[in-house]
Protein backbone atom coordinates (compact mmCIF):
# COMPACT_ATOMS: atom_id res chain seq x y z
CA MET A 1 -28.68 -40.34 46.20
CA SER A 2 -30.71 -43.07 47.88
CA GLY A 3 -28.99 -42.36 51.23
CA GLY A 4 -30.10 -38.73 51.08
CA CYS A 5 -33.68 -39.78 50.30
CA GLY A 6 -33.55 -42.19 53.25
CA LEU A 7 -32.49 -39.34 55.50
CA CYS A 8 -35.41 -37.24 54.26
CA ARG A 9 -37.81 -40.14 54.88
CA GLY A 10 -36.36 -40.57 58.36
CA ARG A 11 -36.95 -36.90 59.14
CA ARG A 12 -40.51 -37.06 57.79
CA THR A 13 -41.17 -40.07 60.01
CA ALA A 14 -39.74 -38.23 63.03
CA ARG A 15 -41.85 -35.17 62.15
CA ASN A 16 -45.05 -37.20 61.90
CA ARG A 17 -44.30 -39.01 65.16
CA PHE A 18 -43.59 -35.70 66.86
CA GLN A 19 -46.91 -34.25 65.67
CA ARG A 20 -48.69 -37.16 67.34
CA LEU A 21 -46.54 -36.72 70.45
CA ILE A 22 -47.55 -33.05 70.72
CA GLU A 23 -51.23 -33.92 70.49
CA GLN A 24 -50.89 -36.60 73.19
CA ARG A 25 -48.76 -34.61 75.61
CA PHE A 26 -50.88 -31.48 75.58
CA ARG A 27 -53.59 -33.69 77.11
CA ARG A 28 -51.47 -34.61 80.16
CA LYS A 29 -48.99 -33.01 82.53
CA PRO A 30 -45.53 -33.21 80.94
CA ARG A 31 -42.69 -34.94 82.74
CA VAL A 32 -39.87 -32.95 84.34
CA VAL A 33 -36.38 -33.54 82.95
CA SER A 34 -33.08 -31.67 83.05
CA ILE A 35 -31.26 -31.17 79.77
CA PRO A 36 -28.05 -29.10 79.78
CA LEU A 37 -27.03 -26.72 77.02
CA PHE A 38 -23.76 -28.67 76.85
CA ASP A 39 -22.68 -31.82 78.68
CA PRO A 40 -18.91 -32.40 78.49
CA LYS A 41 -19.10 -35.78 80.21
CA ARG A 42 -21.44 -37.23 77.61
CA ALA A 43 -19.67 -35.53 74.72
CA HIS A 44 -16.33 -37.02 75.75
CA ALA A 45 -17.48 -40.41 77.06
CA PRO A 46 -16.61 -42.47 73.93
CA LEU A 47 -12.98 -41.31 74.19
CA GLN A 48 -12.57 -41.68 77.95
CA LYS A 49 -10.05 -44.54 77.88
CA ALA A 50 -7.82 -42.90 75.25
CA LEU A 51 -8.01 -39.56 77.07
CA GLU A 52 -7.02 -41.12 80.39
CA GLU A 53 -4.09 -42.92 78.77
CA ALA A 54 -2.90 -39.66 77.20
CA ALA A 55 -3.20 -37.84 80.52
CA VAL A 56 -1.23 -40.51 82.39
CA SER A 57 1.46 -40.43 79.70
CA VAL A 58 1.93 -36.68 80.22
CA LEU A 59 2.01 -37.06 84.00
CA ARG A 60 4.76 -39.67 83.71
CA SER A 61 6.75 -37.66 81.14
CA GLY A 62 7.79 -34.81 83.43
CA ARG A 63 7.25 -32.32 80.55
CA TYR A 64 4.23 -30.12 81.24
CA ILE A 65 4.76 -26.81 79.38
CA LEU A 66 5.32 -26.84 75.60
CA GLY A 67 7.63 -29.75 74.68
CA PRO A 68 7.01 -32.82 72.48
CA GLU A 69 3.25 -33.09 73.12
CA VAL A 70 2.64 -29.50 72.01
CA GLU A 71 4.90 -29.93 68.99
CA ALA A 72 3.06 -33.12 67.98
CA PHE A 73 -0.32 -31.41 68.32
CA GLU A 74 0.86 -28.41 66.31
CA GLN A 75 2.08 -30.74 63.56
CA SER A 76 -1.23 -32.64 63.52
CA LEU A 77 -3.11 -29.37 63.12
CA SER A 78 -0.71 -28.22 60.41
CA ASP A 79 -1.18 -31.48 58.49
CA ARG A 80 -4.93 -30.88 58.54
CA LEU A 81 -4.72 -27.19 57.64
CA GLU A 82 -2.92 -27.36 54.29
CA GLY A 83 0.51 -27.55 55.91
CA ARG A 84 0.30 -24.04 57.35
CA PRO A 85 2.49 -23.41 60.40
CA VAL A 86 0.53 -23.67 63.67
CA VAL A 87 1.48 -22.31 67.08
CA GLY A 88 -0.29 -23.59 70.19
CA VAL A 89 -1.14 -20.91 72.74
CA SER A 90 -2.92 -20.52 76.07
CA SER A 91 -6.39 -19.43 74.89
CA GLY A 92 -8.46 -18.32 71.94
CA THR A 93 -8.21 -14.72 73.12
CA ASP A 94 -4.41 -14.89 73.19
CA ALA A 95 -4.54 -16.49 69.75
CA LEU A 96 -6.35 -13.40 68.42
CA VAL A 97 -3.92 -11.02 70.12
CA LEU A 98 -0.88 -12.89 68.79
CA ALA A 99 -2.40 -13.11 65.31
CA LEU A 100 -2.83 -9.33 65.29
CA ARG A 101 0.76 -8.92 66.49
CA ALA A 102 1.90 -11.22 63.68
CA LEU A 103 0.16 -8.88 61.24
CA GLU A 104 1.94 -5.92 62.90
CA ILE A 105 -1.37 -4.29 63.80
CA GLY A 106 -1.07 -1.59 66.46
CA PRO A 107 -1.83 2.01 67.44
CA GLY A 108 -3.26 4.10 64.62
CA ASP A 109 -4.54 1.04 62.77
CA GLU A 110 -8.21 0.28 62.22
CA VAL A 111 -9.62 -3.25 62.26
CA LEU A 112 -13.06 -4.01 60.81
CA THR A 113 -15.20 -6.59 62.56
CA THR A 114 -18.72 -7.46 63.63
CA PRO A 115 -20.41 -6.13 66.79
CA TYR A 116 -22.35 -9.41 66.99
CA THR A 117 -19.62 -11.55 68.54
CA PHE A 118 -18.10 -12.60 71.84
CA VAL A 119 -16.23 -9.72 73.42
CA ALA A 120 -12.81 -11.42 72.98
CA THR A 121 -12.80 -10.50 69.28
CA VAL A 122 -12.84 -6.80 70.12
CA ASP A 123 -10.81 -7.13 73.31
CA ALA A 124 -7.91 -8.42 71.20
CA ILE A 125 -8.06 -5.39 68.90
CA LEU A 126 -7.95 -3.01 71.86
CA ARG A 127 -5.15 -4.94 73.58
CA VAL A 128 -2.78 -4.31 70.65
CA GLY A 129 -3.70 -0.61 70.67
CA ALA A 130 -5.72 -0.65 67.44
CA THR A 131 -9.21 0.75 66.88
CA PRO A 132 -12.23 -1.46 66.15
CA ARG A 133 -14.59 -0.34 63.39
CA PHE A 134 -17.89 -2.19 63.48
CA VAL A 135 -19.86 -3.37 60.46
CA ASP A 136 -23.48 -4.40 60.90
CA ILE A 137 -24.66 -7.93 60.15
CA ASP A 138 -26.87 -9.51 57.53
CA PRO A 139 -30.14 -10.60 59.21
CA THR A 140 -29.99 -14.10 57.70
CA THR A 141 -26.36 -15.13 58.19
CA LEU A 142 -25.86 -12.93 61.30
CA MET A 143 -22.46 -11.99 59.84
CA PRO A 144 -21.46 -8.86 57.88
CA THR A 145 -21.48 -9.17 54.11
CA ALA A 146 -18.33 -8.73 52.06
CA GLU A 147 -19.95 -5.73 50.40
CA ALA A 148 -20.61 -4.05 53.75
CA LEU A 149 -17.06 -4.71 54.92
CA THR A 150 -15.61 -3.29 51.72
CA ALA A 151 -17.79 -0.18 51.98
CA ALA A 152 -16.64 0.40 55.57
CA THR A 153 -12.92 0.59 54.84
CA SER A 154 -10.97 3.80 55.33
CA ALA A 155 -7.41 4.92 54.81
CA ALA A 156 -6.60 3.60 58.30
CA THR A 157 -8.01 0.10 57.75
CA ARG A 158 -5.27 -2.50 58.09
CA ALA A 159 -7.19 -5.70 58.79
CA VAL A 160 -10.56 -7.42 58.95
CA ILE A 161 -11.46 -9.96 61.63
CA ILE A 162 -13.97 -12.41 60.23
CA VAL A 163 -15.96 -14.34 62.85
CA HIS A 164 -17.08 -17.78 61.66
CA LEU A 165 -20.25 -17.69 63.72
CA PHE A 166 -21.92 -20.59 65.60
CA GLY A 167 -20.18 -23.14 63.34
CA ALA A 168 -20.86 -21.49 59.97
CA ALA A 169 -17.98 -20.45 57.73
CA PHE A 170 -17.77 -16.97 56.21
CA ASP A 171 -16.67 -17.01 52.58
CA CYS A 172 -13.31 -15.24 52.78
CA SER A 173 -12.82 -15.55 49.01
CA GLU A 174 -15.21 -12.61 48.73
CA LEU A 175 -12.59 -10.44 50.43
CA GLU A 176 -9.85 -10.87 47.84
CA GLU A 177 -10.32 -7.29 46.68
CA LEU A 178 -9.52 -6.06 50.19
CA ARG A 179 -6.48 -8.32 50.42
CA SER A 180 -5.23 -6.95 47.09
CA ARG A 181 -5.23 -3.53 48.76
CA GLY A 182 -3.03 -4.76 51.60
CA ILE A 183 -5.85 -5.28 54.11
CA ALA A 184 -5.20 -8.51 55.98
CA VAL A 185 -7.92 -11.07 56.79
CA LEU A 186 -7.81 -12.67 60.25
CA GLU A 187 -10.18 -15.58 60.82
CA ASP A 188 -11.70 -15.83 64.28
CA ALA A 189 -12.52 -19.52 64.01
CA ALA A 190 -13.13 -20.11 67.72
CA GLN A 191 -16.65 -21.40 67.08
CA ALA A 192 -16.10 -23.34 63.89
CA PHE A 193 -13.32 -25.93 64.00
CA GLY A 194 -13.85 -28.22 61.02
CA ALA A 195 -16.28 -25.97 59.17
CA ARG A 196 -15.73 -25.85 55.43
CA LEU A 197 -16.67 -24.02 52.26
CA GLY A 198 -16.12 -26.37 49.36
CA ASP A 199 -12.63 -27.84 49.78
CA ARG A 200 -11.38 -25.08 52.10
CA GLU A 201 -11.45 -25.39 55.88
CA VAL A 202 -11.70 -22.48 58.29
CA GLY A 203 -8.27 -21.38 59.41
CA THR A 204 -6.87 -21.64 55.88
CA MET A 205 -8.99 -19.03 54.09
CA GLY A 206 -7.39 -15.81 55.35
CA ASP A 207 -3.89 -14.54 56.07
CA VAL A 208 -3.92 -15.84 59.65
CA GLY A 209 -6.40 -17.73 61.79
CA ALA A 210 -7.18 -18.12 65.49
CA PHE A 211 -8.77 -21.10 67.23
CA SER A 212 -10.07 -21.56 70.77
CA PHE A 213 -10.07 -24.93 72.53
CA PHE A 214 -12.34 -23.86 75.38
CA PRO A 215 -14.16 -27.00 76.64
CA THR A 216 -17.46 -26.22 74.90
CA LYS A 217 -15.92 -25.79 71.43
CA ASN A 218 -16.17 -28.35 68.63
CA LEU A 219 -12.57 -29.26 69.39
CA GLY A 220 -12.68 -28.56 73.11
CA GLY A 221 -10.01 -29.22 75.69
CA TYR A 222 -10.08 -29.63 79.46
CA GLY A 223 -9.22 -26.04 80.32
CA ASP A 224 -8.11 -23.09 78.22
CA GLY A 225 -6.14 -23.41 75.01
CA GLY A 226 -5.86 -21.98 71.53
CA ALA A 227 -3.83 -21.95 68.34
CA VAL A 228 -2.66 -19.47 65.73
CA VAL A 229 -2.49 -20.55 62.09
CA LEU A 230 0.03 -18.55 60.06
CA ASP A 231 0.77 -18.04 56.39
CA SER A 232 4.56 -18.12 56.70
CA GLN A 233 7.26 -19.70 58.83
CA GLU A 234 8.63 -16.24 59.62
CA ARG A 235 5.37 -15.19 61.22
CA ALA A 236 5.12 -18.51 63.04
CA ASP A 237 8.58 -18.04 64.54
CA TYR A 238 7.60 -14.54 65.67
CA VAL A 239 4.43 -15.84 67.37
CA ARG A 240 6.44 -18.63 69.05
CA ALA A 241 8.69 -15.96 70.51
CA LEU A 242 5.79 -13.77 71.60
CA ARG A 243 4.01 -16.60 73.43
CA ALA A 244 7.09 -17.08 75.66
CA HIS A 245 7.94 -13.53 76.79
CA GLY A 246 9.40 -12.56 73.42
CA ARG A 247 12.26 -14.99 73.76
CA GLY A 248 14.05 -16.63 70.86
CA ALA A 249 16.48 -19.53 70.82
CA ARG A 250 18.81 -17.89 73.36
CA SER A 251 17.65 -18.51 76.93
CA TYR A 252 16.76 -15.51 79.09
CA TYR A 253 17.11 -13.02 76.23
CA SER A 254 13.96 -11.39 74.91
CA SER A 255 13.83 -9.47 71.64
CA HIS A 256 10.16 -8.46 71.82
CA ILE A 257 7.55 -7.47 74.39
CA GLY A 258 5.79 -10.78 74.69
CA TYR A 259 3.34 -12.73 76.82
CA ASN A 260 3.08 -15.82 78.97
CA ALA A 261 0.75 -17.49 76.46
CA ARG A 262 2.05 -21.04 76.15
CA LEU A 263 -0.08 -24.13 75.56
CA ASP A 264 0.54 -26.80 78.19
CA ALA A 265 1.41 -30.40 77.36
CA MET A 266 -1.67 -31.89 79.04
CA GLN A 267 -4.08 -29.87 76.91
CA ALA A 268 -2.11 -30.68 73.75
CA ALA A 269 -2.12 -34.42 74.47
CA LEU A 270 -5.86 -34.52 75.19
CA LEU A 271 -6.68 -32.34 72.19
CA ARG A 272 -4.64 -34.61 69.91
CA VAL A 273 -6.82 -37.53 70.99
CA LYS A 274 -9.96 -35.56 70.22
CA LEU A 275 -8.62 -34.18 66.94
CA ALA A 276 -8.74 -37.68 65.42
CA HIS A 277 -12.48 -37.83 66.17
CA VAL A 278 -13.60 -34.24 65.61
CA ASP A 279 -15.08 -34.88 62.15
CA ALA A 280 -17.27 -37.67 63.52
CA ALA A 281 -18.39 -35.39 66.35
CA ASN A 282 -19.19 -32.63 63.87
CA SER A 283 -21.19 -35.10 61.80
CA THR A 284 -23.20 -35.96 64.91
CA ARG A 285 -23.86 -32.27 65.47
CA ARG A 286 -25.17 -31.98 61.91
CA ASP A 287 -27.50 -34.94 62.47
CA LEU A 288 -28.81 -33.32 65.65
CA ALA A 289 -29.35 -30.05 63.79
CA GLY A 290 -31.30 -31.84 61.08
CA ASN A 291 -33.51 -33.45 63.71
CA TYR A 292 -34.18 -30.10 65.38
CA HIS A 293 -35.09 -28.56 62.05
CA ALA A 294 -37.56 -31.37 61.29
CA LEU A 295 -39.15 -31.16 64.74
CA ILE A 296 -39.62 -27.40 64.54
CA GLN A 297 -41.18 -27.69 61.10
CA ALA A 298 -43.65 -30.22 62.52
CA ASP A 299 -45.43 -27.62 64.64
CA GLU A 300 -47.56 -24.91 63.07
CA ARG A 301 -46.99 -22.45 65.93
CA LEU A 302 -43.21 -22.78 65.75
CA ARG A 303 -43.25 -22.42 61.99
CA GLU A 304 -45.04 -19.13 62.62
CA LEU A 305 -42.76 -17.84 65.40
CA VAL A 306 -39.30 -19.17 64.49
CA VAL A 307 -38.01 -17.09 61.59
CA LEU A 308 -34.52 -18.60 61.32
CA THR A 309 -34.04 -22.35 61.78
CA PRO A 310 -30.60 -23.60 60.67
CA ASP A 311 -30.99 -26.56 58.31
CA PRO A 312 -27.87 -28.64 57.56
CA GLU A 313 -29.22 -29.63 54.15
CA SER A 314 -28.92 -26.00 53.02
CA LEU A 315 -25.70 -25.36 55.01
CA PRO A 316 -23.33 -28.13 53.88
CA GLY A 317 -20.20 -26.90 55.68
CA HIS A 318 -21.82 -25.90 58.98
CA VAL A 319 -20.58 -27.71 62.12
CA PHE A 320 -23.18 -26.38 64.59
CA HIS A 321 -21.11 -25.24 67.51
CA GLN A 322 -24.43 -23.81 68.67
CA TYR A 323 -27.96 -24.37 67.42
CA VAL A 324 -29.24 -20.79 67.40
CA LEU A 325 -32.83 -19.92 66.61
CA ARG A 326 -34.09 -16.51 65.61
CA VAL A 327 -37.70 -15.84 66.57
CA LYS A 328 -40.25 -13.08 66.17
CA PRO A 329 -39.87 -10.05 68.48
CA GLY A 330 -41.43 -10.67 71.87
CA PHE A 331 -41.31 -14.46 71.76
CA ARG A 332 -37.62 -14.85 72.69
CA ASP A 333 -37.99 -13.89 76.36
CA VAL A 334 -41.09 -16.05 76.78
CA ALA A 335 -39.31 -19.04 75.22
CA VAL A 336 -36.13 -18.61 77.25
CA ALA A 337 -38.03 -18.22 80.53
CA HIS A 338 -40.12 -21.32 79.86
CA LEU A 339 -37.11 -23.44 78.88
CA LYS A 340 -35.27 -22.41 82.04
CA GLU A 341 -38.34 -23.15 84.14
CA SER A 342 -38.47 -26.56 82.48
CA LYS A 343 -34.83 -27.23 83.45
CA ILE A 344 -33.62 -27.05 79.86
CA GLY A 345 -30.33 -25.31 79.12
CA VAL A 346 -30.56 -22.21 77.00
CA GLY A 347 -28.06 -19.53 76.00
CA ILE A 348 -28.55 -16.03 74.65
CA TYR A 349 -25.86 -15.34 72.07
CA TYR A 350 -25.59 -12.40 72.33
CA PRO A 351 -27.62 -10.31 74.78
CA THR A 352 -25.98 -7.09 73.58
CA GLY A 353 -23.72 -6.02 70.76
CA VAL A 354 -20.11 -5.28 71.65
CA HIS A 355 -20.64 -1.71 70.41
CA GLN A 356 -22.98 -1.16 73.38
CA GLN A 357 -20.56 -2.43 76.05
CA PRO A 358 -18.45 -0.25 78.36
CA LEU A 359 -15.31 -1.95 77.00
CA VAL A 360 -15.37 0.18 73.84
CA LYS A 361 -16.24 3.51 75.45
CA GLY A 362 -13.85 6.11 74.09
CA HIS A 363 -12.73 3.81 71.27
CA VAL A 364 -15.79 3.96 69.00
CA ASP A 365 -18.43 6.57 68.26
CA ALA A 366 -21.12 6.07 70.89
CA GLU A 367 -23.74 7.54 68.55
CA LEU A 368 -23.34 4.83 65.94
CA GLN A 369 -26.20 2.36 65.70
CA PHE A 370 -26.23 -1.13 64.24
CA PRO A 371 -29.91 -1.98 63.90
CA GLU A 372 -29.54 -5.52 62.58
CA THR A 373 -27.18 -6.46 65.42
CA GLU A 374 -29.47 -4.88 67.99
CA ALA A 375 -32.49 -6.69 66.55
CA ALA A 376 -30.64 -10.02 66.59
CA CYS A 377 -29.70 -9.48 70.25
CA LEU A 378 -33.41 -9.32 71.07
CA SER A 379 -34.49 -12.33 69.03
CA THR A 380 -31.86 -15.10 69.12
CA PHE A 381 -31.13 -17.92 71.55
CA ALA A 382 -29.43 -21.31 71.57
CA ILE A 383 -30.88 -24.67 72.58
CA PRO A 384 -28.95 -27.80 73.69
CA MET A 385 -26.40 -29.05 71.16
CA PHE A 386 -23.65 -31.57 71.86
CA PRO A 387 -22.64 -35.12 70.87
CA GLY A 388 -24.47 -37.41 73.26
CA LEU A 389 -27.73 -35.46 73.17
CA THR A 390 -30.52 -37.98 72.51
CA GLY A 391 -33.45 -37.80 70.13
CA LYS A 392 -35.84 -38.06 73.08
CA GLU A 393 -34.18 -35.07 74.70
CA GLN A 394 -34.49 -33.10 71.48
CA GLU A 395 -38.19 -33.90 71.39
CA GLU A 396 -38.50 -32.68 74.98
CA VAL A 397 -36.75 -29.41 74.11
CA ILE A 398 -39.01 -28.72 71.15
CA PHE A 399 -42.11 -29.80 73.06
CA ARG A 400 -41.27 -27.20 75.71
CA LEU A 401 -40.84 -24.65 72.93
CA CYS A 402 -44.30 -25.61 71.69
CA GLU A 403 -45.65 -24.94 75.18
CA ALA A 404 -43.97 -21.54 75.18
CA ALA A 405 -45.45 -20.79 71.77
CA GLU A 406 -48.90 -21.73 73.03
CA GLN A 407 -48.50 -19.40 76.03
CA TYR A 408 -47.22 -16.55 73.87
CA MET A 409 -49.94 -16.82 71.26
CA ARG A 410 -52.70 -16.95 73.86
CA ALA A 411 -51.28 -13.93 75.71
CA SER A 412 -51.03 -11.98 72.45
CA GLY A 413 -54.53 -12.93 71.36
CA GLN A 414 -53.38 -15.19 68.55
CA GLY A 415 -54.32 -18.51 70.16
């Protein structure tokens, strides 16, 4: 208990110091710095020696596609994920496609999902010939509710793709009623490796799960990579065949229409090094998120304009793949422009819902509207978040946001 109180005292001290910093810096010209949205070199620096040793080992082995390194990585993931079979694949997108194939989803089937996601979620549905059915989001969690998903089902619904968004886990236990009706739950956990709800980790909550190891992810590699988490060995064997042109144990004989979707040995070896340290990295992300929250609360203007500030104290399982703010309408574009002008990395996740993209034309009703998704696309943005980001840099980011708030409020007659 005393440790938690110490953390609160530390944040109050940081908040008070930041209030004084704001007062001082508004009296002088601020310094120019460059702060990236994500810096892989800094994020990976503590592991550099181990990573280089792993890379050299693979180079000397002569085994570069699948093989012992991939098998060892798959086993390490399985050990972490309740012993579920894991199949390493070439990307998070291919992981989603193969997971849908494992569930035997195809033409004539409907898959429920969110329109507030990266396009790969929906691309995978279309690639297996199924039809996406969108369900609007809750304005606080930015994910659909279980009630909304249940209400959206039809006779054609065969699966739901849950997106664990920005590092937050969706509570899949709320979908047990759907699963009892034969509707499968696929976890798109690309943004949330290590996120938990109670004693359950993402990737183990649904029927199957899909991970991405794109370099910016919580468990990020040095190129593309992904993994499928299955609920049975039979499905795992099927996915192993699909990732290698549908081939089984007999060379040059294919039983299924498959893909070239194999994970390479170099990525597996490097990811296995990082896997041993991912919880520490996620803990660092949570500390950074707590600092951001305290700094934002220190400024009256930001408290007025920022309507959603993720706070790790109220989100115990969140791993903060991104630190995404939701602000009042009109302020987002001012804030983003000022941060970019100040050489601070910023990302808009997402500028448009997938339901509004040409990709889905002819696959979904163009007249359907998803007002909460569309509102979120006009009011959310991400600020720098990665292990290695310093407290001073966080102060600079929020100071620049304070400047943007000052500009906005003056222009709108509120200052």
